[in-house]
Amino acid sequence: MNVSDVAVWSVILAVGAGTFAFRFSFVYLFEHVDEVPAPVERALRYVAPAVLAALVAPSLLLVDGSIAVVGNERLLAGLVGAAVAWRTESIIWTMVAGVGALMVVQQVVF
């Protein structure tokens, strides 16, 4: 299939315009609204954890493009990191424990 340069650039411009319109709508809306409604404020608190989970979950669960639970050293290291994060609430110790667990599991177990 041969796609012309005009088609590619048309799609890029359309997606860019859509992204800009979506983001600008929030700026425009909150500029003209005095207060953010309480339900929206409560919902916005969950945006950052949801984005983080969406970024981290595929790297922990996917091995060679398919979901793998058994024999997945990244998932094991992620669970160690999650346990350390839950107990210590320290980003530094979470990273140290997760990376350390990944190094140990890759060298020793798998």
Protein backbone atom coordinates (compact mmCIF):
# COMPACT_ATOMS: atom_id res chain seq x y z
CA MET A 1 0.00 0.00 0.00
CA ASN A 2 1.43 3.35 -1.02
CA VAL A 3 0.26 6.36 0.97
CA SER A 4 0.92 9.78 -0.47
CA ASP A 5 2.69 12.52 1.42
CA VAL A 6 -0.43 14.67 1.24
CA ALA A 7 -2.50 12.00 2.99
CA VAL A 8 0.08 11.57 5.75
CA TRP A 9 0.35 15.32 6.36
CA SER A 10 -3.44 15.68 6.26
CA VAL A 11 -3.79 13.09 9.02
CA ILE A 12 -1.00 14.70 11.07
CA LEU A 13 -2.62 18.13 10.79
CA ALA A 14 -6.10 16.78 11.58
CA VAL A 15 -4.88 14.93 14.68
CA GLY A 16 -2.88 17.99 15.79
CA ALA A 17 -5.90 20.27 15.35
CA GLY A 18 -8.09 17.83 17.29
CA THR A 19 -5.58 17.60 20.12
CA PHE A 20 -5.24 21.38 20.27
CA ALA A 21 -9.04 21.85 20.28
CA PHE A 22 -9.49 19.32 23.07
CA ARG A 23 -6.82 20.89 25.26
CA PHE A 24 -7.87 24.46 24.50
CA SER A 25 -11.48 23.66 25.39
CA PHE A 26 -10.45 23.00 29.00
CA VAL A 27 -8.41 26.20 29.19
CA TYR A 28 -11.29 28.20 27.73
CA LEU A 29 -13.89 26.49 29.93
CA PHE A 30 -12.01 26.98 33.20
CA GLU A 31 -11.24 30.58 32.27
CA HIS A 32 -14.95 31.34 32.14
CA VAL A 33 -16.09 29.21 35.07
CA ASP A 34 -15.59 30.69 38.52
CA GLU A 35 -15.37 27.40 40.40
CA VAL A 36 -14.76 23.85 39.35
CA PRO A 37 -17.74 21.70 40.38
CA ALA A 38 -17.00 19.34 43.26
CA PRO A 39 -17.66 16.13 41.27
CA VAL A 40 -15.22 17.25 38.57
CA GLU A 41 -12.62 18.09 41.19
CA ARG A 42 -13.02 14.66 42.77
CA ALA A 43 -12.72 12.98 39.38
CA LEU A 44 -9.60 14.95 38.45
CA ARG A 45 -7.79 13.55 41.49
CA TYR A 46 -7.73 10.15 39.78
CA VAL A 47 -6.22 11.36 36.49
CA ALA A 48 -2.55 11.17 37.53
CA PRO A 49 -2.75 7.64 39.01
CA ALA A 50 -4.70 6.43 35.98
CA VAL A 51 -2.12 7.85 33.57
CA LEU A 52 0.73 6.36 35.58
CA ALA A 53 -0.97 2.95 35.62
CA ALA A 54 -1.58 3.15 31.87
CA LEU A 55 2.10 3.88 31.28
CA VAL A 56 3.51 1.28 33.69
CA ALA A 57 1.15 -1.68 33.25
CA PRO A 58 2.15 -2.61 29.67
CA SER A 59 5.84 -2.62 30.52
CA LEU A 60 5.18 -4.91 33.49
CA LEU A 61 2.70 -7.29 31.89
CA LEU A 62 3.74 -7.62 28.25
CA VAL A 63 6.56 -9.89 27.16
CA ASP A 64 7.12 -10.15 23.40
CA GLY A 65 3.74 -8.54 22.73
CA SER A 66 1.58 -10.85 24.84
CA ILE A 67 0.55 -10.86 28.49
CA ALA A 68 2.82 -13.04 30.60
CA VAL A 69 2.46 -13.69 34.32
CA VAL A 70 4.61 -16.80 34.74
CA GLY A 71 8.30 -16.24 34.05
CA ASN A 72 7.96 -12.46 33.88
CA GLU A 73 10.89 -10.92 35.75
CA ARG A 74 9.65 -7.34 35.25
CA LEU A 75 6.33 -8.19 36.88
CA LEU A 76 8.11 -9.74 39.86
CA ALA A 77 10.36 -6.68 40.23
CA GLY A 78 7.32 -4.42 39.89
CA LEU A 79 5.56 -6.27 42.69
CA VAL A 80 8.63 -5.86 44.89
CA GLY A 81 8.69 -2.15 44.05
CA ALA A 82 4.98 -1.83 44.77
CA ALA A 83 5.39 -3.51 48.17
CA VAL A 84 8.27 -1.20 49.06
CA ALA A 85 6.28 1.84 47.89
CA TRP A 86 3.32 0.79 50.01
CA ARG A 87 5.43 0.24 53.14
CA THR A 88 7.88 3.16 52.88
CA GLU A 89 6.07 5.73 50.70
CA SER A 90 9.53 6.72 49.42
CA ILE A 91 10.20 7.13 45.72
CA ILE A 92 13.93 6.57 46.13
CA TRP A 93 13.54 3.31 48.05
CA THR A 94 10.87 2.15 45.62
CA MET A 95 13.19 2.68 42.64
CA VAL A 96 16.16 1.10 44.42
CA ALA A 97 14.12 -1.95 45.43
CA GLY A 98 12.48 -2.36 42.02
CA VAL A 99 15.67 -2.01 39.99
CA GLY A 100 17.60 -4.12 42.49
CA ALA A 101 14.97 -6.85 42.36
CA LEU A 102 15.00 -6.77 38.55
CA MET A 103 18.79 -7.09 38.46
CA VAL A 104 18.79 -9.97 40.93
CA VAL A 105 15.97 -11.81 39.21
CA GLN A 106 17.55 -11.42 35.76
CA GLN A 107 20.95 -12.65 36.96
CA VAL A 108 19.87 -15.39 39.35
CA VAL A 109 16.45 -16.75 38.52
CA PHE A 110 15.85 -16.45 34.78
